[in-house]
Amino acid sequence: MSASSAADGGSDTSLLPADDRLLRVDAHLAIPRAELVARASRSSGAGGQHVNKTSSRVEITWNVVQSPTLGDDQRARLLARLASRITDAGELRVVASDTRSQLRNRELAEQRLAELVRAALVIPKRRKPTRPTRAAKEARLQAKRHHADKKRDRRRGADD
């Protein structure tokens, strides 16, 4: 049992072990942090002295094409669903410059990457085709008859 699961009472029910070297995406997928490339740079925009001298903006890239962590079906789904966000080299890029802390921005960028991958891997439920019930068909036809009768009665009233 790892130190982190012993500290929380061993209530970790996920399928993958808890580890600081892994970025947890969901219960079935965790990206090794060794596959992530993080770059720090200066944040853009106004902010005074602090923003001009510290590199607090964090950009994280992850190569989806070359990652051994993904299965073929997961890779295909990510490449299809995130095509607009993946570069020609197969890298998914996430940026965070929300806070003044580089460490906090890195955590935010990792969370955004995990959320993006998690959302892209969701397989939507297939729509089950349904048919209207007999009562619904009758109600629709009855409403049509009522509407037609109303219009017919208006025409009769104009002739008198």
N, C-alpha and C. Protein backbone atom coordinates (compact mmCIF):
# COMPACT_ATOMS: atom_id res chain seq x y z
N MET A 1 0.86 -1.17 0.00
CA MET A 1 0.00 0.00 0.00
C MET A 1 0.90 1.22 0.00
N SER A 2 0.64 2.21 -0.88
CA SER A 2 1.49 3.39 -0.96
C SER A 2 1.21 4.31 0.21
N ALA A 3 2.11 5.28 0.41
CA ALA A 3 1.98 6.20 1.53
C ALA A 3 0.73 7.05 1.40
N SER A 4 0.38 7.45 0.17
CA SER A 4 -0.78 8.31 -0.01
C SER A 4 -2.08 7.57 0.27
N SER A 5 -2.15 6.30 -0.10
CA SER A 5 -3.39 5.57 0.17
C SER A 5 -3.48 5.16 1.64
N ALA A 6 -2.34 5.00 2.30
CA ALA A 6 -2.37 4.68 3.72
C ALA A 6 -2.82 5.90 4.52
N ALA A 7 -2.45 7.09 4.05
CA ALA A 7 -2.82 8.32 4.76
C ALA A 7 -4.31 8.57 4.70
N ASP A 8 -4.95 8.22 3.58
CA ASP A 8 -6.39 8.47 3.46
C ASP A 8 -7.22 7.25 3.87
N GLY A 9 -6.61 6.30 4.51
CA GLY A 9 -7.34 5.16 5.03
C GLY A 9 -7.50 4.03 4.03
N GLY A 10 -6.82 4.11 2.89
CA GLY A 10 -6.88 3.05 1.91
C GLY A 10 -8.21 2.99 1.18
N SER A 11 -8.90 4.13 1.06
CA SER A 11 -10.21 4.12 0.42
C SER A 11 -10.14 4.37 -1.08
N ASP A 12 -8.96 4.28 -1.66
CA ASP A 12 -8.81 4.52 -3.09
C ASP A 12 -9.39 3.34 -3.85
N THR A 13 -10.50 3.57 -4.58
CA THR A 13 -11.17 2.49 -5.29
C THR A 13 -10.84 2.48 -6.78
N SER A 14 -9.92 3.35 -7.22
CA SER A 14 -9.60 3.41 -8.65
C SER A 14 -8.84 2.16 -9.07
N LEU A 15 -8.81 1.94 -10.36
CA LEU A 15 -8.15 0.75 -10.89
C LEU A 15 -6.64 0.93 -10.99
N LEU A 16 -6.17 2.19 -10.99
CA LEU A 16 -4.75 2.46 -11.11
C LEU A 16 -4.20 2.92 -9.76
N PRO A 17 -2.96 2.58 -9.44
CA PRO A 17 -2.40 3.00 -8.16
C PRO A 17 -2.15 4.51 -8.12
N ALA A 18 -2.26 5.11 -6.94
CA ALA A 18 -1.97 6.53 -6.77
C ALA A 18 -0.46 6.73 -6.83
N ASP A 19 -0.04 7.74 -7.62
CA ASP A 19 1.39 7.97 -7.79
C ASP A 19 1.58 9.41 -8.23
N ASP A 20 2.57 10.09 -7.63
CA ASP A 20 2.85 11.48 -8.00
C ASP A 20 3.45 11.58 -9.39
N ARG A 21 3.95 10.48 -9.93
CA ARG A 21 4.55 10.52 -11.27
C ARG A 21 3.51 10.34 -12.35
N LEU A 22 2.24 10.15 -11.97
CA LEU A 22 1.17 9.94 -12.94
C LEU A 22 0.14 11.06 -12.86
N LEU A 23 -0.32 11.50 -14.02
CA LEU A 23 -1.42 12.46 -14.09
C LEU A 23 -2.68 11.66 -14.34
N ARG A 24 -3.55 11.56 -13.34
CA ARG A 24 -4.76 10.76 -13.41
C ARG A 24 -5.77 11.44 -14.34
N VAL A 25 -6.21 10.72 -15.35
CA VAL A 25 -7.22 11.22 -16.29
C VAL A 25 -8.58 10.66 -15.87
N ASP A 26 -8.67 9.35 -15.73
CA ASP A 26 -9.87 8.71 -15.21
C ASP A 26 -9.45 7.41 -14.54
N ALA A 27 -10.40 6.57 -14.21
CA ALA A 27 -10.08 5.34 -13.48
C ALA A 27 -9.26 4.36 -14.31
N HIS A 28 -9.28 4.52 -15.64
CA HIS A 28 -8.59 3.57 -16.51
C HIS A 28 -7.34 4.13 -17.17
N LEU A 29 -7.13 5.44 -17.07
CA LEU A 29 -6.00 6.05 -17.77
C LEU A 29 -5.28 7.04 -16.88
N ALA A 30 -3.96 6.91 -16.84
CA ALA A 30 -3.11 7.87 -16.16
C ALA A 30 -1.90 8.12 -17.06
N ILE A 31 -1.58 9.38 -17.27
CA ILE A 31 -0.46 9.75 -18.13
C ILE A 31 0.78 9.92 -17.27
N PRO A 32 1.86 9.22 -17.59
CA PRO A 32 3.10 9.44 -16.84
C PRO A 32 3.59 10.87 -17.06
N ARG A 33 3.96 11.54 -15.98
CA ARG A 33 4.41 12.94 -16.10
C ARG A 33 5.69 13.04 -16.92
N ALA A 34 6.41 11.94 -17.08
CA ALA A 34 7.62 11.94 -17.90
C ALA A 34 7.28 12.19 -19.38
N GLU A 35 6.04 11.89 -19.79
CA GLU A 35 5.61 12.13 -21.17
C GLU A 35 5.21 13.59 -21.40
N LEU A 36 5.02 14.34 -20.34
CA LEU A 36 4.60 15.74 -20.45
C LEU A 36 5.82 16.64 -20.52
N VAL A 37 5.77 17.61 -21.41
CA VAL A 37 6.84 18.60 -21.52
C VAL A 37 6.27 19.93 -21.06
N ALA A 38 6.85 20.50 -20.01
CA ALA A 38 6.38 21.77 -19.47
C ALA A 38 7.40 22.86 -19.77
N ARG A 39 6.89 24.00 -20.25
CA ARG A 39 7.74 25.16 -20.52
C ARG A 39 7.14 26.35 -19.78
N ALA A 40 7.99 27.13 -19.14
CA ALA A 40 7.54 28.33 -18.47
C ALA A 40 7.99 29.54 -19.28
N SER A 41 7.13 30.54 -19.33
CA SER A 41 7.46 31.78 -20.04
C SER A 41 6.77 32.93 -19.33
N ARG A 42 7.06 34.13 -19.78
CA ARG A 42 6.42 35.29 -19.17
C ARG A 42 4.99 35.40 -19.65
N SER A 43 4.11 35.73 -18.72
CA SER A 43 2.70 35.94 -19.07
C SER A 43 2.57 37.22 -19.87
N SER A 44 1.56 37.27 -20.73
CA SER A 44 1.36 38.46 -21.53
C SER A 44 0.41 39.41 -20.83
N GLY A 45 0.32 40.61 -21.34
CA GLY A 45 -0.65 41.57 -20.85
C GLY A 45 -0.15 42.37 -19.67
N ALA A 46 -1.04 43.21 -19.15
CA ALA A 46 -0.69 44.10 -18.05
C ALA A 46 -0.50 43.31 -16.77
N GLY A 47 0.20 43.89 -15.83
CA GLY A 47 0.39 43.21 -14.55
C GLY A 47 1.49 43.82 -13.72
N GLY A 48 2.15 44.83 -14.24
CA GLY A 48 3.16 45.51 -13.44
C GLY A 48 4.47 44.77 -13.40
N GLN A 49 5.26 45.10 -12.39
CA GLN A 49 6.61 44.56 -12.30
C GLN A 49 6.66 43.04 -12.24
N HIS A 50 5.76 42.46 -11.47
CA HIS A 50 5.84 41.01 -11.26
C HIS A 50 5.78 40.24 -12.57
N VAL A 51 4.82 40.61 -13.44
CA VAL A 51 4.64 39.87 -14.69
C VAL A 51 5.81 40.10 -15.63
N ASN A 52 6.51 41.23 -15.48
CA ASN A 52 7.61 41.54 -16.38
C ASN A 52 8.90 40.82 -16.03
N LYS A 53 8.99 40.28 -14.84
CA LYS A 53 10.27 39.66 -14.45
C LYS A 53 10.15 38.19 -14.05
N THR A 54 8.94 37.64 -14.01
CA THR A 54 8.81 36.23 -13.64
C THR A 54 8.18 35.43 -14.76
N SER A 55 8.60 34.20 -14.87
CA SER A 55 8.05 33.29 -15.88
C SER A 55 7.00 32.42 -15.20
N SER A 56 5.79 32.94 -15.09
CA SER A 56 4.76 32.19 -14.37
C SER A 56 3.79 31.47 -15.32
N ARG A 57 3.78 31.82 -16.60
CA ARG A 57 2.91 31.15 -17.57
C ARG A 57 3.48 29.77 -17.85
N VAL A 58 2.63 28.74 -17.84
CA VAL A 58 3.09 27.37 -18.07
C VAL A 58 2.36 26.78 -19.27
N GLU A 59 3.15 26.18 -20.15
CA GLU A 59 2.61 25.51 -21.33
C GLU A 59 3.02 24.04 -21.24
N ILE A 60 2.03 23.16 -21.30
CA ILE A 60 2.31 21.73 -21.23
C ILE A 60 1.94 21.10 -22.56
N THR A 61 2.85 20.31 -23.10
CA THR A 61 2.57 19.59 -24.34
C THR A 61 2.67 18.09 -24.06
N TRP A 62 1.83 17.34 -24.76
CA TRP A 62 1.82 15.88 -24.63
C TRP A 62 1.67 15.31 -26.02
N ASN A 63 2.58 14.44 -26.40
CA ASN A 63 2.55 13.85 -27.74
C ASN A 63 1.59 12.67 -27.74
N VAL A 64 0.42 12.90 -28.32
CA VAL A 64 -0.64 11.88 -28.35
C VAL A 64 -0.26 10.74 -29.29
N VAL A 65 0.40 11.08 -30.40
CA VAL A 65 0.74 10.07 -31.42
C VAL A 65 1.76 9.07 -30.90
N GLN A 66 2.75 9.53 -30.16
CA GLN A 66 3.85 8.66 -29.72
C GLN A 66 3.69 8.12 -28.31
N SER A 67 2.62 8.46 -27.63
CA SER A 67 2.46 8.04 -26.24
C SER A 67 2.20 6.53 -26.15
N PRO A 68 3.04 5.81 -25.41
CA PRO A 68 2.81 4.37 -25.24
C PRO A 68 1.69 4.08 -24.24
N THR A 69 1.24 5.10 -23.52
CA THR A 69 0.18 4.94 -22.52
C THR A 69 -1.16 4.62 -23.15
N LEU A 70 -1.40 5.15 -24.36
CA LEU A 70 -2.70 5.02 -25.00
C LEU A 70 -2.83 3.74 -25.80
N GLY A 71 -4.03 3.20 -25.82
CA GLY A 71 -4.35 2.09 -26.72
C GLY A 71 -4.69 2.67 -28.08
N ASP A 72 -4.75 1.82 -29.09
CA ASP A 72 -5.03 2.29 -30.45
C ASP A 72 -6.39 2.97 -30.56
N ASP A 73 -7.40 2.41 -29.91
CA ASP A 73 -8.73 3.01 -29.99
C ASP A 73 -8.79 4.35 -29.26
N GLN A 74 -8.10 4.46 -28.11
CA GLN A 74 -8.05 5.73 -27.38
C GLN A 74 -7.32 6.79 -28.22
N ARG A 75 -6.20 6.39 -28.83
CA ARG A 75 -5.42 7.32 -29.66
C ARG A 75 -6.27 7.83 -30.83
N ALA A 76 -6.98 6.92 -31.49
CA ALA A 76 -7.81 7.30 -32.63
C ALA A 76 -8.92 8.26 -32.19
N ARG A 77 -9.54 7.96 -31.05
CA ARG A 77 -10.61 8.83 -30.55
C ARG A 77 -10.07 10.22 -30.22
N LEU A 78 -8.91 10.28 -29.55
CA LEU A 78 -8.32 11.58 -29.22
C LEU A 78 -7.95 12.37 -30.47
N LEU A 79 -7.34 11.69 -31.44
CA LEU A 79 -6.95 12.38 -32.67
C LEU A 79 -8.16 12.90 -33.43
N ALA A 80 -9.27 12.17 -33.38
CA ALA A 80 -10.48 12.61 -34.08
C ALA A 80 -11.18 13.74 -33.32
N ARG A 81 -11.34 13.58 -32.01
CA ARG A 81 -12.11 14.56 -31.23
C ARG A 81 -11.33 15.84 -30.96
N LEU A 82 -9.99 15.75 -30.89
CA LEU A 82 -9.18 16.94 -30.57
C LEU A 82 -8.34 17.38 -31.77
N ALA A 83 -8.80 17.07 -32.97
CA ALA A 83 -8.02 17.36 -34.18
C ALA A 83 -7.64 18.84 -34.28
N SER A 84 -8.53 19.72 -33.88
CA SER A 84 -8.24 21.15 -34.00
C SER A 84 -7.22 21.63 -32.97
N ARG A 85 -7.00 20.86 -31.92
CA ARG A 85 -6.06 21.26 -30.86
C ARG A 85 -4.73 20.53 -30.93
N ILE A 86 -4.62 19.54 -31.82
CA ILE A 86 -3.39 18.75 -31.92
C ILE A 86 -2.57 19.27 -33.10
N THR A 87 -1.27 19.47 -32.88
CA THR A 87 -0.39 19.99 -33.92
C THR A 87 -0.09 18.92 -34.95
N ASP A 88 0.59 19.31 -36.02
CA ASP A 88 0.99 18.36 -37.06
C ASP A 88 1.95 17.30 -36.50
N ALA A 89 2.69 17.67 -35.46
CA ALA A 89 3.62 16.72 -34.84
C ALA A 89 2.90 15.77 -33.88
N GLY A 90 1.59 15.96 -33.69
CA GLY A 90 0.83 15.07 -32.82
C GLY A 90 0.82 15.50 -31.37
N GLU A 91 1.13 16.76 -31.10
CA GLU A 91 1.20 17.23 -29.71
C GLU A 91 -0.05 18.00 -29.33
N LEU A 92 -0.54 17.71 -28.14
CA LEU A 92 -1.66 18.42 -27.56
C LEU A 92 -1.07 19.45 -26.60
N ARG A 93 -1.47 20.73 -26.75
CA ARG A 93 -0.87 21.81 -25.98
C ARG A 93 -1.93 22.47 -25.11
N VAL A 94 -1.58 22.67 -23.84
CA VAL A 94 -2.46 23.35 -22.88
C VAL A 94 -1.65 24.42 -22.17
N VAL A 95 -2.25 25.59 -22.01
CA VAL A 95 -1.55 26.73 -21.40
C VAL A 95 -2.33 27.23 -20.20
N ALA A 96 -1.62 27.66 -19.15
CA ALA A 96 -2.25 28.29 -17.99
C ALA A 96 -1.40 29.47 -17.55
N SER A 97 -2.04 30.63 -17.41
CA SER A 97 -1.35 31.81 -16.89
C SER A 97 -2.28 32.57 -15.97
N ASP A 98 -3.11 31.82 -15.24
CA ASP A 98 -4.15 32.42 -14.40
C ASP A 98 -3.61 33.06 -13.13
N THR A 99 -2.59 32.45 -12.55
CA THR A 99 -2.11 32.93 -11.25
C THR A 99 -0.68 33.45 -11.37
N ARG A 100 -0.20 34.04 -10.29
CA ARG A 100 1.17 34.56 -10.26
C ARG A 100 2.18 33.47 -9.93
N SER A 101 1.69 32.30 -9.56
CA SER A 101 2.57 31.20 -9.17
C SER A 101 2.77 30.23 -10.33
N GLN A 102 4.04 29.96 -10.65
CA GLN A 102 4.35 29.01 -11.71
C GLN A 102 3.88 27.61 -11.33
N LEU A 103 4.05 27.23 -10.08
CA LEU A 103 3.64 25.91 -9.61
C LEU A 103 2.12 25.74 -9.74
N ARG A 104 1.38 26.75 -9.31
CA ARG A 104 -0.09 26.68 -9.40
C ARG A 104 -0.54 26.65 -10.87
N ASN A 105 0.13 27.41 -11.73
CA ASN A 105 -0.21 27.39 -13.15
C ASN A 105 0.08 26.03 -13.78
N ARG A 106 1.14 25.39 -13.31
CA ARG A 106 1.44 24.04 -13.82
C ARG A 106 0.34 23.06 -13.41
N GLU A 107 -0.09 23.17 -12.16
CA GLU A 107 -1.18 22.30 -11.68
C GLU A 107 -2.45 22.55 -12.49
N LEU A 108 -2.76 23.82 -12.75
CA LEU A 108 -3.95 24.16 -13.53
C LEU A 108 -3.85 23.61 -14.95
N ALA A 109 -2.66 23.73 -15.56
CA ALA A 109 -2.47 23.23 -16.92
C ALA A 109 -2.63 21.71 -16.96
N GLU A 110 -2.09 21.02 -15.96
CA GLU A 110 -2.25 19.56 -15.90
C GLU A 110 -3.71 19.17 -15.72
N GLN A 111 -4.43 19.91 -14.87
CA GLN A 111 -5.86 19.63 -14.67
C GLN A 111 -6.63 19.84 -15.97
N ARG A 112 -6.30 20.91 -16.70
CA ARG A 112 -6.98 21.19 -17.97
C ARG A 112 -6.69 20.11 -19.00
N LEU A 113 -5.44 19.65 -19.03
CA LEU A 113 -5.08 18.58 -19.96
C LEU A 113 -5.87 17.31 -19.63
N ALA A 114 -5.91 16.96 -18.34
CA ALA A 114 -6.63 15.76 -17.93
C ALA A 114 -8.11 15.88 -18.26
N GLU A 115 -8.71 17.04 -18.02
CA GLU A 115 -10.14 17.24 -18.31
C GLU A 115 -10.41 17.17 -19.81
N LEU A 116 -9.52 17.74 -20.59
CA LEU A 116 -9.66 17.73 -22.04
C LEU A 116 -9.62 16.29 -22.57
N VAL A 117 -8.66 15.52 -22.10
CA VAL A 117 -8.51 14.12 -22.54
C VAL A 117 -9.69 13.29 -22.04
N ARG A 118 -10.10 13.51 -20.79
CA ARG A 118 -11.24 12.78 -20.22
C ARG A 118 -12.50 13.02 -21.05
N ALA A 119 -12.77 14.27 -21.39
CA ALA A 119 -13.97 14.60 -22.17
C ALA A 119 -13.91 14.01 -23.58
N ALA A 120 -12.70 13.98 -24.16
CA ALA A 120 -12.56 13.46 -25.52
C ALA A 120 -12.70 11.94 -25.57
N LEU A 121 -12.38 11.27 -24.48
CA LEU A 121 -12.45 9.81 -24.46
C LEU A 121 -13.84 9.27 -24.15
N VAL A 122 -14.77 10.14 -23.78
CA VAL A 122 -16.13 9.69 -23.45
C VAL A 122 -16.80 9.19 -24.73
N ILE A 123 -17.32 7.98 -24.65
CA ILE A 123 -18.02 7.40 -25.79
C ILE A 123 -19.50 7.73 -25.61
N PRO A 124 -20.07 8.52 -26.53
CA PRO A 124 -21.47 8.90 -26.35
C PRO A 124 -22.40 7.69 -26.51
N LYS A 125 -23.47 7.69 -25.73
CA LYS A 125 -24.44 6.60 -25.83
C LYS A 125 -25.14 6.68 -27.17
N ARG A 126 -25.35 5.54 -27.80
CA ARG A 126 -26.07 5.52 -29.07
C ARG A 126 -27.53 5.81 -28.82
N ARG A 127 -28.11 6.62 -29.70
CA ARG A 127 -29.51 6.94 -29.59
C ARG A 127 -30.33 5.71 -30.00
N LYS A 128 -31.26 5.37 -29.16
CA LYS A 128 -32.11 4.23 -29.45
C LYS A 128 -33.33 4.77 -30.19
N PRO A 129 -33.52 4.38 -31.44
CA PRO A 129 -34.66 4.92 -32.18
C PRO A 129 -35.98 4.49 -31.56
N THR A 130 -36.89 5.43 -31.46
CA THR A 130 -38.19 5.14 -30.87
C THR A 130 -39.29 5.47 -31.87
N ARG A 131 -40.47 4.95 -31.62
CA ARG A 131 -41.62 5.24 -32.47
C ARG A 131 -42.71 5.84 -31.61
N PRO A 132 -43.53 6.70 -32.20
CA PRO A 132 -44.64 7.24 -31.42
C PRO A 132 -45.64 6.14 -31.08
N THR A 133 -46.28 6.26 -29.93
CA THR A 133 -47.27 5.26 -29.52
C THR A 133 -48.54 5.43 -30.35
N ARG A 134 -49.38 4.43 -30.29
CA ARG A 134 -50.66 4.49 -31.02
C ARG A 134 -51.49 5.67 -30.51
N ALA A 135 -51.50 5.88 -29.20
CA ALA A 135 -52.26 6.98 -28.60
C ALA A 135 -51.73 8.33 -29.10
N ALA A 136 -50.40 8.46 -29.23
CA ALA A 136 -49.82 9.70 -29.71
C ALA A 136 -50.21 9.95 -31.17
N LYS A 137 -50.22 8.89 -31.97
CA LYS A 137 -50.63 9.03 -33.37
C LYS A 137 -52.10 9.47 -33.45
N GLU A 138 -52.93 8.83 -32.65
CA GLU A 138 -54.36 9.19 -32.64
C GLU A 138 -54.56 10.64 -32.19
N ALA A 139 -53.83 11.05 -31.17
CA ALA A 139 -53.95 12.42 -30.67
C ALA A 139 -53.53 13.41 -31.74
N ARG A 140 -52.47 13.11 -32.47
CA ARG A 140 -52.01 13.99 -33.53
C ARG A 140 -53.05 14.09 -34.63
N LEU A 141 -53.60 12.96 -35.05
CA LEU A 141 -54.62 12.96 -36.10
C LEU A 141 -55.89 13.68 -35.64
N GLN A 142 -56.25 13.49 -34.37
CA GLN A 142 -57.42 14.18 -33.82
C GLN A 142 -57.21 15.69 -33.84
N ALA A 143 -56.02 16.14 -33.48
CA ALA A 143 -55.71 17.57 -33.50
C ALA A 143 -55.77 18.10 -34.93
N LYS A 144 -55.28 17.31 -35.88
CA LYS A 144 -55.35 17.74 -37.29
C LYS A 144 -56.80 17.86 -37.74
N ARG A 145 -57.64 16.90 -37.36
CA ARG A 145 -59.05 16.94 -37.75
C ARG A 145 -59.74 18.16 -37.14
N HIS A 146 -59.43 18.43 -35.88
CA HIS A 146 -60.02 19.57 -35.19
C HIS A 146 -59.64 20.87 -35.88
N HIS A 147 -58.37 21.00 -36.24
CA HIS A 147 -57.88 22.20 -36.92
C HIS A 147 -58.54 22.34 -38.30
N ALA A 148 -58.67 21.25 -39.03
CA ALA A 148 -59.32 21.28 -40.36
C ALA A 148 -60.79 21.65 -40.23
N ASP A 149 -61.49 21.09 -39.22
CA ASP A 149 -62.90 21.44 -39.00
C ASP A 149 -63.05 22.92 -38.70
N LYS A 150 -62.16 23.45 -37.89
CA LYS A 150 -62.22 24.86 -37.52
C LYS A 150 -62.09 25.73 -38.77
N LYS A 151 -61.13 25.39 -39.63
CA LYS A 151 -60.94 26.16 -40.87
C LYS A 151 -62.14 26.00 -41.80
N ARG A 152 -62.71 24.77 -41.89
CA ARG A 152 -63.86 24.55 -42.75
C ARG A 152 -65.07 25.36 -42.26
N ASP A 153 -65.27 25.42 -40.95
CA ASP A 153 -66.38 26.19 -40.38
C ASP A 153 -66.22 27.68 -40.67
N ARG A 154 -65.01 28.16 -40.68
CA ARG A 154 -64.78 29.58 -41.00
C ARG A 154 -65.18 29.86 -42.45
N ARG A 155 -64.89 28.93 -43.35
CA ARG A 155 -65.25 29.13 -44.75
C ARG A 155 -66.76 29.14 -44.92
N ARG A 156 -67.45 28.28 -44.24
CA ARG A 156 -68.91 28.20 -44.33
C ARG A 156 -69.55 29.50 -43.83
N GLY A 157 -69.01 30.04 -42.75
CA GLY A 157 -69.56 31.26 -42.16
C GLY A 157 -69.42 32.46 -43.10
N ALA A 158 -68.41 32.48 -43.96
CA ALA A 158 -68.19 33.60 -44.88
C ALA A 158 -69.18 33.57 -46.03
N ASP A 159 -69.69 32.37 -46.43
CA ASP A 159 -70.62 32.26 -47.54
C ASP A 159 -72.01 32.75 -47.18
N ASP A 160 -72.41 32.67 -45.93
CA ASP A 160 -73.77 33.04 -45.52
C ASP A 160 -74.09 34.47 -45.72
